Amino acid sequence: MLSLTTPAKAQSLIASHVRDRRVNLGLTQAGLAARADIPLPTLRRFEQQGLVSLEGLLKILAVVGGLDEIIKALEVSQSEFSTIEDVLKTQEKPKRKKGWRT
């Protein structure tokens, strides 16, 4: 899937959204770092530069919310087609059940 968002822009947006969630919860950086069991400098670097390990991000999301949404967003969706025959069947015109001429 093609995306126009660059990884750098995504890092910045994710860090900004997490910071907004932290502020809305009324947590200080120190409070979130303690609850997420990550070092305070790690949280600060994440909020300022968007740099954090995957484990650190998941710990932060477990506190501020969004962990389940990330997991759901990464699920593989099932294709409606399992074989080429399924694809070809959808291209066939449906059989008419009623006449159209009077």
PDB file of N, CA and C in Angstrom:
ATOM      1  N   MET A   1       0.849  -1.177   0.000  1.00  0.00           N
ATOM      2  CA  MET A   1       0.000   0.000   0.000  1.00  0.00           C
ATOM      3  C   MET A   1       0.893   1.237   0.000  1.00  0.00           C
ATOM      4  N   LEU A   2       0.584   2.173  -0.833  1.00  0.00           N
ATOM      5  CA  LEU A   2       1.366   3.395  -0.985  1.00  0.00           C
ATOM      6  C   LEU A   2       0.898   4.449   0.007  1.00  0.00           C
ATOM      7  N   SER A   3       1.849   5.101   0.652  1.00  0.00           N
ATOM      8  CA  SER A   3       1.534   6.166   1.587  1.00  0.00           C
ATOM      9  C   SER A   3       2.367   7.393   1.251  1.00  0.00           C
ATOM     10  N   LEU A   4       1.776   8.551   1.374  1.00  0.00           N
ATOM     11  CA  LEU A   4       2.506   9.794   1.124  1.00  0.00           C
ATOM     12  C   LEU A   4       3.176  10.325   2.385  1.00  0.00           C
ATOM     13  N   THR A   5       2.950   9.661   3.512  1.00  0.00           N
ATOM     14  CA  THR A   5       3.575  10.049   4.764  1.00  0.00           C
ATOM     15  C   THR A   5       4.963   9.436   4.849  1.00  0.00           C
ATOM     16  N   THR A   6       5.954  10.269   5.077  1.00  0.00           N
ATOM     17  CA  THR A   6       7.321   9.768   5.222  1.00  0.00           C
ATOM     18  C   THR A   6       7.506   9.207   6.628  1.00  0.00           C
ATOM     19  N   PRO A   7       8.466   8.314   6.819  1.00  0.00           N
ATOM     20  CA  PRO A   7       8.731   7.808   8.163  1.00  0.00           C
ATOM     21  C   PRO A   7       9.045   8.923   9.167  1.00  0.00           C
ATOM     22  N   ALA A   8       9.788   9.934   8.735  1.00  0.00           N
ATOM     23  CA  ALA A   8      10.120  11.046   9.637  1.00  0.00           C
ATOM     24  C   ALA A   8       8.852  11.798  10.055  1.00  0.00           C
ATOM     25  N   LYS A   9       7.953  12.023   9.100  1.00  0.00           N
ATOM     26  CA  LYS A   9       6.699  12.711   9.411  1.00  0.00           C
ATOM     27  C   LYS A   9       5.836  11.851  10.329  1.00  0.00           C
ATOM     28  N   ALA A  10       5.823  10.544  10.089  1.00  0.00           N
ATOM     29  CA  ALA A  10       5.056   9.633  10.944  1.00  0.00           C
ATOM     30  C   ALA A  10       5.597   9.652  12.367  1.00  0.00           C
ATOM     31  N   GLN A  11       6.919   9.640  12.520  1.00  0.00           N
ATOM     32  CA  GLN A  11       7.520   9.711  13.850  1.00  0.00           C
ATOM     33  C   GLN A  11       7.074  10.969  14.576  1.00  0.00           C
ATOM     34  N   SER A  12       7.131  12.076  13.887  1.00  0.00           N
ATOM     35  CA  SER A  12       6.747  13.351  14.477  1.00  0.00           C
ATOM     36  C   SER A  12       5.268  13.368  14.873  1.00  0.00           C
ATOM     37  N   LEU A  13       4.411  12.865  13.989  1.00  0.00           N
ATOM     38  CA  LEU A  13       2.979  12.844  14.278  1.00  0.00           C
ATOM     39  C   LEU A  13       2.642  11.920  15.446  1.00  0.00           C
ATOM     40  N   ILE A  14       3.257  10.745  15.475  1.00  0.00           N
ATOM     41  CA  ILE A  14       3.001   9.802  16.568  1.00  0.00           C
ATOM     42  C   ILE A  14       3.451  10.397  17.888  1.00  0.00           C
ATOM     43  N   ALA A  15       4.626  10.994  17.916  1.00  0.00           N
ATOM     44  CA  ALA A  15       5.123  11.613  19.149  1.00  0.00           C
ATOM     45  C   ALA A  15       4.189  12.733  19.600  1.00  0.00           C
ATOM     46  N   SER A  16       3.715  13.531  18.669  1.00  0.00           N
ATOM     47  CA  SER A  16       2.807  14.626  18.994  1.00  0.00           C
ATOM     48  C   SER A  16       1.483  14.106  19.545  1.00  0.00           C
ATOM     49  N   HIS A  17       0.943  13.072  18.920  1.00  0.00           N
ATOM     50  CA  HIS A  17      -0.330  12.506  19.383  1.00  0.00           C
ATOM     51  C   HIS A  17      -0.192  11.893  20.776  1.00  0.00           C
ATOM     52  N   VAL A  18       0.921  11.212  21.013  1.00  0.00           N
ATOM     53  CA  VAL A  18       1.147  10.610  22.335  1.00  0.00           C
ATOM     54  C   VAL A  18       1.305  11.706  23.383  1.00  0.00           C
ATOM     55  N   ARG A  19       2.021  12.774  23.042  1.00  0.00           N
ATOM     56  CA  ARG A  19       2.180  13.894  23.977  1.00  0.00           C
ATOM     57  C   ARG A  19       0.815  14.499  24.300  1.00  0.00           C
ATOM     58  N   ASP A  20      -0.031  14.669  23.288  1.00  0.00           N
ATOM     59  CA  ASP A  20      -1.381  15.201  23.518  1.00  0.00           C
ATOM     60  C   ASP A  20      -2.193  14.292  24.425  1.00  0.00           C
ATOM     61  N   ARG A  21      -2.083  12.988  24.223  1.00  0.00           N
ATOM     62  CA  ARG A  21      -2.799  12.041  25.093  1.00  0.00           C
ATOM     63  C   ARG A  21      -2.304  12.157  26.535  1.00  0.00           C
ATOM     64  N   ARG A  22      -0.970  12.274  26.698  1.00  0.00           N
ATOM     65  CA  ARG A  22      -0.399  12.397  28.043  1.00  0.00           C
ATOM     66  C   ARG A  22      -0.933  13.639  28.738  1.00  0.00           C
ATOM     67  N   VAL A  23      -0.936  14.757  28.024  1.00  0.00           N
ATOM     68  CA  VAL A  23      -1.407  16.020  28.601  1.00  0.00           C
ATOM     69  C   VAL A  23      -2.894  15.925  28.942  1.00  0.00           C
ATOM     70  N   ASN A  24      -3.699  15.319  28.049  1.00  0.00           N
ATOM     71  CA  ASN A  24      -5.134  15.170  28.316  1.00  0.00           C
ATOM     72  C   ASN A  24      -5.402  14.301  29.536  1.00  0.00           C
ATOM     73  N   LEU A  25      -4.500  13.365  29.815  1.00  0.00           N
ATOM     74  CA  LEU A  25      -4.641  12.536  31.014  1.00  0.00           C
ATOM     75  C   LEU A  25      -4.128  13.249  32.261  1.00  0.00           C
ATOM     76  N   GLY A  26      -3.508  14.394  32.069  1.00  0.00           N
ATOM     77  CA  GLY A  26      -2.982  15.152  33.197  1.00  0.00           C
ATOM     78  C   GLY A  26      -1.683  14.601  33.749  1.00  0.00           C
ATOM     79  N   LEU A  27      -0.964  13.836  32.940  1.00  0.00           N
ATOM     80  CA  LEU A  27       0.285  13.236  33.393  1.00  0.00           C
ATOM     81  C   LEU A  27       1.476  14.113  33.030  1.00  0.00           C
ATOM     82  N   THR A  28       2.418  14.190  33.920  1.00  0.00           N
ATOM     83  CA  THR A  28       3.696  14.832  33.607  1.00  0.00           C
ATOM     84  C   THR A  28       4.549  13.818  32.863  1.00  0.00           C
ATOM     85  N   GLN A  29       5.630  14.292  32.277  1.00  0.00           N
ATOM     86  CA  GLN A  29       6.552  13.358  31.621  1.00  0.00           C
ATOM     87  C   GLN A  29       7.089  12.349  32.628  1.00  0.00           C
ATOM     88  N   ALA A  30       7.424  12.831  33.812  1.00  0.00           N
ATOM     89  CA  ALA A  30       7.948  11.931  34.850  1.00  0.00           C
ATOM     90  C   ALA A  30       6.896  10.910  35.268  1.00  0.00           C
ATOM     91  N   GLY A  31       5.656  11.355  35.364  1.00  0.00           N
ATOM     92  CA  GLY A  31       4.573  10.437  35.742  1.00  0.00           C
ATOM     93  C   GLY A  31       4.347   9.360  34.701  1.00  0.00           C
ATOM     94  N   LEU A  32       4.341   9.745  33.431  1.00  0.00           N
ATOM     95  CA  LEU A  32       4.159   8.752  32.373  1.00  0.00           C
ATOM     96  C   LEU A  32       5.346   7.802  32.306  1.00  0.00           C
ATOM     97  N   ALA A  33       6.551   8.331  32.432  1.00  0.00           N
ATOM     98  CA  ALA A  33       7.744   7.487  32.389  1.00  0.00           C
ATOM     99  C   ALA A  33       7.703   6.443  33.505  1.00  0.00           C
ATOM    100  N   ALA A  34       7.292   6.868  34.693  1.00  0.00           N
ATOM    101  CA  ALA A  34       7.210   5.930  35.819  1.00  0.00           C
ATOM    102  C   ALA A  34       6.143   4.870  35.572  1.00  0.00           C
ATOM    103  N   ARG A  35       4.977   5.289  35.107  1.00  0.00           N
ATOM    104  CA  ARG A  35       3.890   4.332  34.860  1.00  0.00           C
ATOM    105  C   ARG A  35       4.219   3.372  33.720  1.00  0.00           C
ATOM    106  N   ALA A  36       4.933   3.854  32.706  1.00  0.00           N
ATOM    107  CA  ALA A  36       5.286   3.019  31.560  1.00  0.00           C
ATOM    108  C   ALA A  36       6.554   2.205  31.818  1.00  0.00           C
ATOM    109  N   ASP A  37       7.204   2.457  32.938  1.00  0.00           N
ATOM    110  CA  ASP A  37       8.438   1.766  33.303  1.00  0.00           C
ATOM    111  C   ASP A  37       9.523   1.955  32.241  1.00  0.00           C
ATOM    112  N   ILE A  38       9.688   3.220  31.830  1.00  0.00           N
ATOM    113  CA  ILE A  38      10.776   3.579  30.918  1.00  0.00           C
ATOM    114  C   ILE A  38      11.523   4.756  31.532  1.00  0.00           C
ATOM    115  N   PRO A  39      12.792   4.939  31.206  1.00  0.00           N
ATOM    116  CA  PRO A  39      13.540   6.076  31.748  1.00  0.00           C
ATOM    117  C   PRO A  39      12.965   7.404  31.242  1.00  0.00           C
ATOM    118  N   LEU A  40      12.982   8.407  32.102  1.00  0.00           N
ATOM    119  CA  LEU A  40      12.488   9.733  31.738  1.00  0.00           C
ATOM    120  C   LEU A  40      13.202  10.306  30.515  1.00  0.00           C
ATOM    121  N   PRO A  41      14.535  10.182  30.391  1.00  0.00           N
ATOM    122  CA  PRO A  41      15.189  10.705  29.183  1.00  0.00           C
ATOM    123  C   PRO A  41      14.688  10.028  27.896  1.00  0.00           C
ATOM    124  N   THR A  42      14.307   8.779  27.996  1.00  0.00           N
ATOM    125  CA  THR A  42      13.766   8.069  26.832  1.00  0.00           C
ATOM    126  C   THR A  42      12.448   8.693  26.405  1.00  0.00           C
ATOM    127  N   LEU A  43      11.588   8.981  27.373  1.00  0.00           N
ATOM    128  CA  LEU A  43      10.306   9.610  27.056  1.00  0.00           C
ATOM    129  C   LEU A  43      10.524  11.010  26.482  1.00  0.00           C
ATOM    130  N   ARG A  44      11.428  11.748  27.070  1.00  0.00           N
ATOM    131  CA  ARG A  44      11.705  13.103  26.556  1.00  0.00           C
ATOM    132  C   ARG A  44      12.225  13.056  25.123  1.00  0.00           C
ATOM    133  N   ARG A  45      13.139  12.135  24.850  1.00  0.00           N
ATOM    134  CA  ARG A  45      13.684  12.004  23.489  1.00  0.00           C
ATOM    135  C   ARG A  45      12.572  11.628  22.517  1.00  0.00           C
ATOM    136  N   PHE A  46      11.658  10.758  22.955  1.00  0.00           N
ATOM    137  CA  PHE A  46      10.542  10.376  22.098  1.00  0.00           C
ATOM    138  C   PHE A  46       9.641  11.570  21.798  1.00  0.00           C
ATOM    139  N   GLU A  47       9.264  12.319  22.818  1.00  0.00           N
ATOM    140  CA  GLU A  47       8.363  13.452  22.605  1.00  0.00           C
ATOM    141  C   GLU A  47       9.012  14.571  21.793  1.00  0.00           C
ATOM    142  N   GLN A  48      10.319  14.742  21.917  1.00  0.00           N
ATOM    143  CA  GLN A  48      11.004  15.811  21.201  1.00  0.00           C
ATOM    144  C   GLN A  48      11.451  15.411  19.799  1.00  0.00           C
ATOM    145  N   GLN A  49      11.914  14.170  19.640  1.00  0.00           N
ATOM    146  CA  GLN A  49      12.506  13.752  18.372  1.00  0.00           C
ATOM    147  C   GLN A  49      11.770  12.590  17.701  1.00  0.00           C
ATOM    148  N   GLY A  50      10.856  11.966  18.424  1.00  0.00           N
ATOM    149  CA  GLY A  50      10.139  10.819  17.865  1.00  0.00           C
ATOM    150  C   GLY A  50      10.935   9.531  17.904  1.00  0.00           C
ATOM    151  N   LEU A  51      12.027   9.507  18.643  1.00  0.00           N
ATOM    152  CA  LEU A  51      12.893   8.335  18.702  1.00  0.00           C
ATOM    153  C   LEU A  51      12.595   7.510  19.952  1.00  0.00           C
ATOM    154  N   VAL A  52      12.228   6.249  19.733  1.00  0.00           N
ATOM    155  CA  VAL A  52      11.955   5.334  20.841  1.00  0.00           C
ATOM    156  C   VAL A  52      11.970   3.916  20.277  1.00  0.00           C
ATOM    157  N   SER A  53      12.281   2.958  21.122  1.00  0.00           N
ATOM    158  CA  SER A  53      12.241   1.563  20.684  1.00  0.00           C
ATOM    159  C   SER A  53      10.784   1.119  20.564  1.00  0.00           C
ATOM    160  N   LEU A  54      10.567   0.042  19.858  1.00  0.00           N
ATOM    161  CA  LEU A  54       9.214  -0.492  19.742  1.00  0.00           C
ATOM    162  C   LEU A  54       8.671  -0.870  21.112  1.00  0.00           C
ATOM    163  N   GLU A  55       9.493  -1.498  21.926  1.00  0.00           N
ATOM    164  CA  GLU A  55       9.064  -1.873  23.276  1.00  0.00           C
ATOM    165  C   GLU A  55       8.677  -0.636  24.081  1.00  0.00           C
ATOM    166  N   GLY A  56       9.479   0.416  23.980  1.00  0.00           N
ATOM    167  CA  GLY A  56       9.169   1.650  24.699  1.00  0.00           C
ATOM    168  C   GLY A  56       7.855   2.255  24.230  1.00  0.00           C
ATOM    169  N   LEU A  57       7.638   2.281  22.924  1.00  0.00           N
ATOM    170  CA  LEU A  57       6.393   2.818  22.382  1.00  0.00           C
ATOM    171  C   LEU A  57       5.196   2.017  22.879  1.00  0.00           C
ATOM    172  N   LEU A  58       5.315   0.702  22.866  1.00  0.00           N
ATOM    173  CA  LEU A  58       4.206  -0.137  23.319  1.00  0.00           C
ATOM    174  C   LEU A  58       3.917   0.062  24.802  1.00  0.00           C
ATOM    175  N   LYS A  59       4.956   0.247  25.600  1.00  0.00           N
ATOM    176  CA  LYS A  59       4.758   0.518  27.027  1.00  0.00           C
ATOM    177  C   LYS A  59       4.045   1.856  27.229  1.00  0.00           C
ATOM    178  N   ILE A  60       4.437   2.851  26.461  1.00  0.00           N
ATOM    179  CA  ILE A  60       3.801   4.173  26.553  1.00  0.00           C
ATOM    180  C   ILE A  60       2.333   4.076  26.139  1.00  0.00           C
ATOM    181  N   LEU A  61       2.066   3.393  25.036  1.00  0.00           N
ATOM    182  CA  LEU A  61       0.690   3.261  24.549  1.00  0.00           C
ATOM    183  C   LEU A  61      -0.184   2.472  25.518  1.00  0.00           C
ATOM    184  N   ALA A  62       0.409   1.551  26.260  1.00  0.00           N
ATOM    185  CA  ALA A  62      -0.355   0.799  27.254  1.00  0.00           C
ATOM    186  C   ALA A  62      -0.871   1.726  28.348  1.00  0.00           C
ATOM    187  N   VAL A  63      -0.172   2.818  28.593  1.00  0.00           N
ATOM    188  CA  VAL A  63      -0.579   3.769  29.635  1.00  0.00           C
ATOM    189  C   VAL A  63      -1.521   4.834  29.076  1.00  0.00           C
ATOM    190  N   VAL A  64      -1.164   5.441  27.951  1.00  0.00           N
ATOM    191  CA  VAL A  64      -1.959   6.561  27.423  1.00  0.00           C
ATOM    192  C   VAL A  64      -3.101   6.107  26.522  1.00  0.00           C
ATOM    193  N   GLY A  65      -3.108   4.850  26.146  1.00  0.00           N
ATOM    194  CA  GLY A  65      -4.141   4.326  25.261  1.00  0.00           C
ATOM    195  C   GLY A  65      -3.642   4.272  23.828  1.00  0.00           C
ATOM    196  N   GLY A  66      -4.203   3.369  23.072  1.00  0.00           N
ATOM    197  CA  GLY A  66      -3.841   3.234  21.675  1.00  0.00           C
ATOM    198  C   GLY A  66      -3.179   1.921  21.340  1.00  0.00           C
ATOM    199  N   LEU A  67      -2.821   1.134  22.346  1.00  0.00           N
ATOM    200  CA  LEU A  67      -2.142  -0.131  22.090  1.00  0.00           C
ATOM    201  C   LEU A  67      -3.035  -1.085  21.299  1.00  0.00           C
ATOM    202  N   ASP A  68      -4.285  -1.214  21.716  1.00  0.00           N
ATOM    203  CA  ASP A  68      -5.208  -2.117  21.010  1.00  0.00           C
ATOM    204  C   ASP A  68      -5.462  -1.646  19.578  1.00  0.00           C
ATOM    205  N   GLU A  69      -5.513  -0.325  19.383  1.00  0.00           N
ATOM    206  CA  GLU A  69      -5.744   0.211  18.046  1.00  0.00           C
ATOM    207  C   GLU A  69      -4.572  -0.089  17.117  1.00  0.00           C
ATOM    208  N   ILE A  70      -3.353  -0.020  17.640  1.00  0.00           N
ATOM    209  CA  ILE A  70      -2.165  -0.330  16.843  1.00  0.00           C
ATOM    210  C   ILE A  70      -2.185  -1.802  16.441  1.00  0.00           C
ATOM    211  N   ILE A  71      -2.500  -2.656  17.387  1.00  0.00           N
ATOM    212  CA  ILE A  71      -2.558  -4.093  17.101  1.00  0.00           C
ATOM    213  C   ILE A  71      -3.620  -4.369  16.040  1.00  0.00           C
ATOM    214  N   LYS A  72      -4.789  -3.754  16.184  1.00  0.00           N
ATOM    215  CA  LYS A  72      -5.884  -3.950  15.230  1.00  0.00           C
ATOM    216  C   LYS A  72      -5.502  -3.420  13.845  1.00  0.00           C
ATOM    217  N   ALA A  73      -4.832  -2.276  13.793  1.00  0.00           N
ATOM    218  CA  ALA A  73      -4.455  -1.676  12.511  1.00  0.00           C
ATOM    219  C   ALA A  73      -3.473  -2.546  11.741  1.00  0.00           C
ATOM    220  N   LEU A  74      -2.702  -3.357  12.438  1.00  0.00           N
ATOM    221  CA  LEU A  74      -1.688  -4.174  11.780  1.00  0.00           C
ATOM    222  C   LEU A  74      -2.164  -5.583  11.446  1.00  0.00           C
ATOM    223  N   GLU A  75      -3.417  -5.904  11.774  1.00  0.00           N
ATOM    224  CA  GLU A  75      -3.951  -7.221  11.427  1.00  0.00           C
ATOM    225  C   GLU A  75      -4.039  -7.362   9.913  1.00  0.00           C
ATOM    226  N   VAL A  76      -3.808  -8.543   9.435  1.00  0.00           N
ATOM    227  CA  VAL A  76      -3.930  -8.824   8.008  1.00  0.00           C
ATOM    228  C   VAL A  76      -5.411  -9.031   7.711  1.00  0.00           C
ATOM    229  N   SER A  77      -5.912  -8.278   6.759  1.00  0.00           N
ATOM    230  CA  SER A  77      -7.315  -8.442   6.399  1.00  0.00           C
ATOM    231  C   SER A  77      -7.440  -9.596   5.413  1.00  0.00           C
ATOM    232  N   GLN A  78      -8.528 -10.325   5.544  1.00  0.00           N
ATOM    233  CA  GLN A  78      -8.770 -11.463   4.673  1.00  0.00           C
ATOM    234  C   GLN A  78      -9.279 -10.984   3.320  1.00  0.00           C
ATOM    235  N   SER A  79      -8.733 -11.522   2.289  1.00  0.00           N
ATOM    236  CA  SER A  79      -9.182 -11.194   0.950  1.00  0.00           C
ATOM    237  C   SER A  79     -10.507 -11.889   0.687  1.00  0.00           C
ATOM    238  N   GLU A  80     -11.361 -11.237  -0.084  1.00  0.00           N
ATOM    239  CA  GLU A  80     -12.628 -11.871  -0.415  1.00  0.00           C
ATOM    240  C   GLU A  80     -12.432 -12.974  -1.446  1.00  0.00           C
ATOM    241  N   PHE A  81     -11.250 -13.050  -2.036  1.00  0.00           N
ATOM    242  CA  PHE A  81     -10.944 -14.072  -3.029  1.00  0.00           C
ATOM    243  C   PHE A  81      -9.887 -15.015  -2.482  1.00  0.00           C
ATOM    244  N   SER A  82     -10.121 -16.311  -2.666  1.00  0.00           N
ATOM    245  CA  SER A  82      -9.102 -17.268  -2.252  1.00  0.00           C
ATOM    246  C   SER A  82      -8.482 -17.982  -3.453  1.00  0.00           C
ATOM    247  N   THR A  83      -9.190 -17.984  -4.569  1.00  0.00           N
ATOM    248  CA  THR A  83      -8.672 -18.615  -5.775  1.00  0.00           C
ATOM    249  C   THR A  83      -8.973 -17.727  -6.982  1.00  0.00           C
ATOM    250  N   ILE A  84      -8.354 -18.033  -8.099  1.00  0.00           N
ATOM    251  CA  ILE A  84      -8.614 -17.281  -9.331  1.00  0.00           C
ATOM    252  C   ILE A  84     -10.052 -17.519  -9.795  1.00  0.00           C
ATOM    253  N   GLU A  85     -10.599 -18.688  -9.492  1.00  0.00           N
ATOM    254  CA  GLU A  85     -11.982 -18.975  -9.861  1.00  0.00           C
ATOM    255  C   GLU A  85     -12.939 -18.011  -9.155  1.00  0.00           C
ATOM    256  N   ASP A  86     -12.637 -17.671  -7.904  1.00  0.00           N
ATOM    257  CA  ASP A  86     -13.471 -16.709  -7.170  1.00  0.00           C
ATOM    258  C   ASP A  86     -13.461 -15.348  -7.857  1.00  0.00           C
ATOM    259  N   VAL A  87     -12.322 -14.954  -8.364  1.00  0.00           N
ATOM    260  CA  VAL A  87     -12.214 -13.677  -9.067  1.00  0.00           C
ATOM    261  C   VAL A  87     -13.026 -13.713 -10.356  1.00  0.00           C
ATOM    262  N   LEU A  88     -12.887 -14.791 -11.086  1.00  0.00           N
ATOM    263  CA  LEU A  88     -13.600 -14.913 -12.355  1.00  0.00           C
ATOM    264  C   LEU A  88     -15.116 -14.978 -12.157  1.00  0.00           C
ATOM    265  N   LYS A  89     -15.566 -15.587 -11.077  1.00  0.00           N
ATOM    266  CA  LYS A  89     -17.001 -15.671 -10.809  1.00  0.00           C
ATOM    267  C   LYS A  89     -17.603 -14.289 -10.591  1.00  0.00           C
ATOM    268  N   THR A  90     -16.863 -13.387  -9.999  1.00  0.00           N
ATOM    269  CA  THR A  90     -17.393 -12.047  -9.738  1.00  0.00           C
ATOM    270  C   THR A  90     -17.512 -11.245 -11.021  1.00  0.00           C
ATOM    271  N   GLN A  91     -16.795 -11.656 -12.064  1.00  0.00           N
ATOM    272  CA  GLN A  91     -16.854 -10.939 -13.331  1.00  0.00           C
ATOM    273  C   GLN A  91     -18.023 -11.397 -14.195  1.00  0.00           C
ATOM    274  N   GLU A  92     -18.642 -12.512 -13.833  1.00  0.00           N
ATOM    275  CA  GLU A  92     -19.799 -13.002 -14.569  1.00  0.00           C
ATOM    276  C   GLU A  92     -21.011 -12.138 -14.243  1.00  0.00           C
ATOM    277  N   LYS A  93     -21.860 -11.936 -15.234  1.00  0.00           N
ATOM    278  CA  LYS A  93     -23.074 -11.159 -15.001  1.00  0.00           C
ATOM    279  C   LYS A  93     -24.065 -12.012 -14.213  1.00  0.00           C
ATOM    280  N   PRO A  94     -24.769 -11.421 -13.269  1.00  0.00           N
ATOM    281  CA  PRO A  94     -25.752 -12.203 -12.518  1.00  0.00           C
ATOM    282  C   PRO A  94     -26.911 -12.612 -13.431  1.00  0.00           C
ATOM    283  N   LYS A  95     -27.488 -13.767 -13.155  1.00  0.00           N
ATOM    284  CA  LYS A  95     -28.611 -14.246 -13.946  1.00  0.00           C
ATOM    285  C   LYS A  95     -29.851 -13.457 -13.576  1.00  0.00           C
ATOM    286  N   ARG A  96     -30.606 -13.066 -14.589  1.00  0.00           N
ATOM    287  CA  ARG A  96     -31.823 -12.289 -14.365  1.00  0.00           C
ATOM    288  C   ARG A  96     -32.905 -13.202 -13.798  1.00  0.00           C
ATOM    289  N   LYS A  97     -33.669 -12.663 -12.872  1.00  0.00           N
ATOM    290  CA  LYS A  97     -34.770 -13.411 -12.288  1.00  0.00           C
ATOM    291  C   LYS A  97     -36.109 -12.954 -12.853  1.00  0.00           C
ATOM    292  N   LYS A  98     -36.123 -11.778 -13.459  1.00  0.00           N
ATOM    293  CA  LYS A  98     -37.334 -11.246 -14.041  1.00  0.00           C
ATOM    294  C   LYS A  98     -37.039 -10.714 -15.440  1.00  0.00           C
ATOM    295  N   GLY A  99     -38.041 -10.745 -16.287  1.00  0.00           N
ATOM    296  CA  GLY A  99     -37.869 -10.190 -17.616  1.00  0.00           C
ATOM    297  C   GLY A  99     -37.858  -8.667 -17.568  1.00  0.00           C
ATOM    298  N   TRP A 100     -37.304  -8.083 -18.630  1.00  0.00           N
ATOM    299  CA  TRP A 100     -37.254  -6.624 -18.661  1.00  0.00           C
ATOM    300  C   TRP A 100     -38.026  -6.043 -19.829  1.00  0.00           C
ATOM    301  N   ARG A 101     -38.553  -6.907 -20.683  1.00  0.00           N
ATOM    302  CA  ARG A 101     -39.348  -6.416 -21.817  1.00  0.00           C
ATOM    303  C   ARG A 101     -40.819  -6.688 -21.580  1.00  0.00           C
ATOM    304  N   THR A 102     -41.629  -5.805 -22.100  1.00  0.00           N
ATOM    305  CA  THR A 102     -43.081  -5.999 -21.975  1.00  0.00           C
ATOM    306  C   THR A 102     -43.669  -6.570 -23.242  1.00  0.00           C
TER     307      THR A 102
END
